[in-house]
Amino acid sequence: MAEDEVPKRLQPKMTRGGVRVQFIWWSIWTALQLVIIVMKLVFESVWDLPDYLFVAAVILGLVALGFLLYVRHHDGHFWDAEDATRDDWDRRGREL
C-alpha cells in the first residue's frame, strides 16, 4: 500500500473567491452579533431566552469562521495549482 494516493479536496466546489466572500459575510455576521450582545449588556440588566440566541449566533459565527480557515489551509495548494494552470494557459494563448 505504498501507492501514491491523490489527496482529496475538503470542499471540491468551493473556490478561493467563495471562501473570501463567505469569510467576509460570516465576519460581519459575528461582529454584528457581538455589537448586539454588548448593547444588551450595557443597556439591559435582565436577559430573556431570545437574548441568549445572540450568544448562540456568535458561537455559530466563530465555528463557521474556523471552518473556513481550515478549508483555506487544507485546499489552498489546490487553488494555487489551478491558478498556475490558468496562468500557463493564458501565457500559451498570448504566445500564439
C-alpha atoms as a PDB file:
ATOM      1  CA  MET A   1       0.000   0.000   0.000  1.00  0.00           C
ATOM      2  CA  ALA A   2       2.835   2.353  -0.814  1.00  0.00           C
ATOM      3  CA  GLU A   3       0.855   3.741  -3.732  1.00  0.00           C
ATOM      4  CA  ASP A   4       0.685   7.478  -4.048  1.00  0.00           C
ATOM      5  CA  GLU A   5      -2.830   8.461  -3.187  1.00  0.00           C
ATOM      6  CA  VAL A   6      -4.055  11.735  -4.566  1.00  0.00           C
ATOM      7  CA  PRO A   7      -5.203  13.940  -1.711  1.00  0.00           C
ATOM      8  CA  LYS A   8      -8.822  14.955  -1.908  1.00  0.00           C
ATOM      9  CA  ARG A   9     -10.149  18.440  -1.539  1.00  0.00           C
ATOM     10  CA  LEU A  10     -12.082  19.199   1.594  1.00  0.00           C
ATOM     11  CA  GLN A  11     -14.658  21.328  -0.264  1.00  0.00           C
ATOM     12  CA  PRO A  12     -14.409  20.494  -4.001  1.00  0.00           C
ATOM     13  CA  LYS A  13     -16.893  23.112  -5.183  1.00  0.00           C
ATOM     14  CA  MET A  14     -15.511  25.970  -3.088  1.00  0.00           C
ATOM     15  CA  THR A  15     -13.118  28.356  -4.773  1.00  0.00           C
ATOM     16  CA  ARG A  16     -10.733  30.889  -3.292  1.00  0.00           C
ATOM     17  CA  GLY A  17     -13.211  33.672  -4.095  1.00  0.00           C
ATOM     18  CA  GLY A  18     -16.061  31.731  -2.498  1.00  0.00           C
ATOM     19  CA  VAL A  19     -14.082  31.363   0.714  1.00  0.00           C
ATOM     20  CA  ARG A  20     -13.329  35.100   0.707  1.00  0.00           C
ATOM     21  CA  VAL A  21     -16.976  36.061   0.230  1.00  0.00           C
ATOM     22  CA  GLN A  22     -18.160  33.664   2.927  1.00  0.00           C
ATOM     23  CA  PHE A  23     -15.411  34.774   5.295  1.00  0.00           C
ATOM     24  CA  ILE A  24     -16.434  38.422   4.873  1.00  0.00           C
ATOM     25  CA  TRP A  25     -20.108  37.533   5.342  1.00  0.00           C
ATOM     26  CA  TRP A  26     -19.507  35.473   8.489  1.00  0.00           C
ATOM     27  CA  SER A  27     -17.149  38.132   9.880  1.00  0.00           C
ATOM     28  CA  ILE A  28     -19.817  40.809   9.501  1.00  0.00           C
ATOM     29  CA  TRP A  29     -22.418  38.455  10.984  1.00  0.00           C
ATOM     30  CA  THR A  30     -20.263  37.707  14.034  1.00  0.00           C
ATOM     31  CA  ALA A  31     -19.307  41.356  14.548  1.00  0.00           C
ATOM     32  CA  LEU A  32     -22.950  42.461  14.448  1.00  0.00           C
ATOM     33  CA  GLN A  33     -23.926  39.795  16.947  1.00  0.00           C
ATOM     34  CA  LEU A  34     -21.129  40.940  19.254  1.00  0.00           C
ATOM     35  CA  VAL A  35     -22.345  44.548  18.972  1.00  0.00           C
ATOM     36  CA  ILE A  36     -25.866  43.450  19.881  1.00  0.00           C
ATOM     37  CA  ILE A  37     -24.581  41.492  22.883  1.00  0.00           C
ATOM     38  CA  VAL A  38     -22.518  44.451  24.115  1.00  0.00           C
ATOM     39  CA  MET A  39     -25.507  46.773  23.731  1.00  0.00           C
ATOM     40  CA  LYS A  40     -27.704  44.350  25.679  1.00  0.00           C
ATOM     41  CA  LEU A  41     -25.066  44.074  28.419  1.00  0.00           C
ATOM     42  CA  VAL A  42     -24.786  47.860  28.702  1.00  0.00           C
ATOM     43  CA  PHE A  43     -28.444  48.858  28.458  1.00  0.00           C
ATOM     44  CA  GLU A  44     -30.325  45.870  29.884  1.00  0.00           C
ATOM     45  CA  SER A  45     -29.883  44.068  33.149  1.00  0.00           C
ATOM     46  CA  VAL A  46     -32.147  41.048  32.656  1.00  0.00           C
ATOM     47  CA  TRP A  47     -31.674  38.624  29.796  1.00  0.00           C
ATOM     48  CA  ASP A  48     -34.588  36.701  28.368  1.00  0.00           C
ATOM     49  CA  LEU A  49     -34.377  33.487  26.418  1.00  0.00           C
ATOM     50  CA  PRO A  50     -34.248  35.207  22.968  1.00  0.00           C
ATOM     51  CA  ASP A  51     -31.230  37.213  24.143  1.00  0.00           C
ATOM     52  CA  TYR A  52     -29.250  34.010  24.518  1.00  0.00           C
ATOM     53  CA  LEU A  53     -29.836  33.326  20.829  1.00  0.00           C
ATOM     54  CA  PHE A  54     -27.366  36.131  20.112  1.00  0.00           C
ATOM     55  CA  VAL A  55     -24.745  34.225  22.095  1.00  0.00           C
ATOM     56  CA  ALA A  56     -25.559  31.107  20.061  1.00  0.00           C
ATOM     57  CA  ALA A  57     -25.253  33.191  16.866  1.00  0.00           C
ATOM     58  CA  VAL A  58     -21.777  34.372  17.911  1.00  0.00           C
ATOM     59  CA  ILE A  59     -20.720  30.782  18.591  1.00  0.00           C
ATOM     60  CA  LEU A  60     -22.128  29.737  15.196  1.00  0.00           C
ATOM     61  CA  GLY A  61     -20.221  32.558  13.507  1.00  0.00           C
ATOM     62  CA  LEU A  62     -16.955  31.629  15.204  1.00  0.00           C
ATOM     63  CA  VAL A  63     -17.382  27.976  14.229  1.00  0.00           C
ATOM     64  CA  ALA A  64     -18.091  28.962  10.613  1.00  0.00           C
ATOM     65  CA  LEU A  65     -15.035  31.243  10.518  1.00  0.00           C
ATOM     66  CA  GLY A  66     -12.882  28.479  11.964  1.00  0.00           C
ATOM     67  CA  PHE A  67     -14.151  26.029   9.367  1.00  0.00           C
ATOM     68  CA  LEU A  68     -13.440  28.486   6.541  1.00  0.00           C
ATOM     69  CA  LEU A  69      -9.904  28.974   7.821  1.00  0.00           C
ATOM     70  CA  TYR A  70      -9.483  25.195   7.918  1.00  0.00           C
ATOM     71  CA  VAL A  71     -10.767  24.887   4.331  1.00  0.00           C
ATOM     72  CA  ARG A  72      -8.394  27.651   3.230  1.00  0.00           C
ATOM     73  CA  HIS A  73      -5.474  25.888   4.886  1.00  0.00           C
ATOM     74  CA  HIS A  74      -6.394  22.451   3.530  1.00  0.00           C
ATOM     75  CA  ASP A  75      -7.408  23.403  -0.039  1.00  0.00           C
ATOM     76  CA  GLY A  76      -5.010  26.297  -0.611  1.00  0.00           C
ATOM     77  CA  HIS A  77      -2.492  24.266  -2.583  1.00  0.00           C
ATOM     78  CA  PHE A  78      -5.269  23.047  -4.915  1.00  0.00           C
ATOM     79  CA  TRP A  79      -6.216  26.658  -5.625  1.00  0.00           C
ATOM     80  CA  ASP A  80      -2.559  27.554  -6.224  1.00  0.00           C
ATOM     81  CA  ALA A  81      -2.247  24.680  -8.711  1.00  0.00           C
ATOM     82  CA  GLU A  82      -5.417  25.814 -10.518  1.00  0.00           C
ATOM     83  CA  ASP A  83      -4.086  29.379 -10.699  1.00  0.00           C
ATOM     84  CA  ALA A  84      -0.765  28.127 -12.066  1.00  0.00           C
ATOM     85  CA  THR A  85      -2.557  26.065 -14.728  1.00  0.00           C
ATOM     86  CA  ARG A  86      -4.750  29.031 -15.668  1.00  0.00           C
ATOM     87  CA  ASP A  87      -1.694  31.321 -15.878  1.00  0.00           C
ATOM     88  CA  ASP A  88       0.086  28.750 -18.044  1.00  0.00           C
ATOM     89  CA  TRP A  89      -2.856  28.592 -20.448  1.00  0.00           C
ATOM     90  CA  ASP A  90      -3.024  32.397 -20.556  1.00  0.00           C
ATOM     91  CA  ARG A  91       0.706  32.574 -21.307  1.00  0.00           C
ATOM     92  CA  ARG A  92       0.384  29.968 -24.068  1.00  0.00           C
ATOM     93  CA  GLY A  93      -2.578  31.839 -25.547  1.00  0.00           C
ATOM     94  CA  ARG A  94      -0.635  35.090 -25.706  1.00  0.00           C
ATOM     95  CA  GLU A  95       2.281  33.352 -27.421  1.00  0.00           C
ATOM     96  CA  LEU A  96       0.083  32.253 -30.343  1.00  0.00           C
END
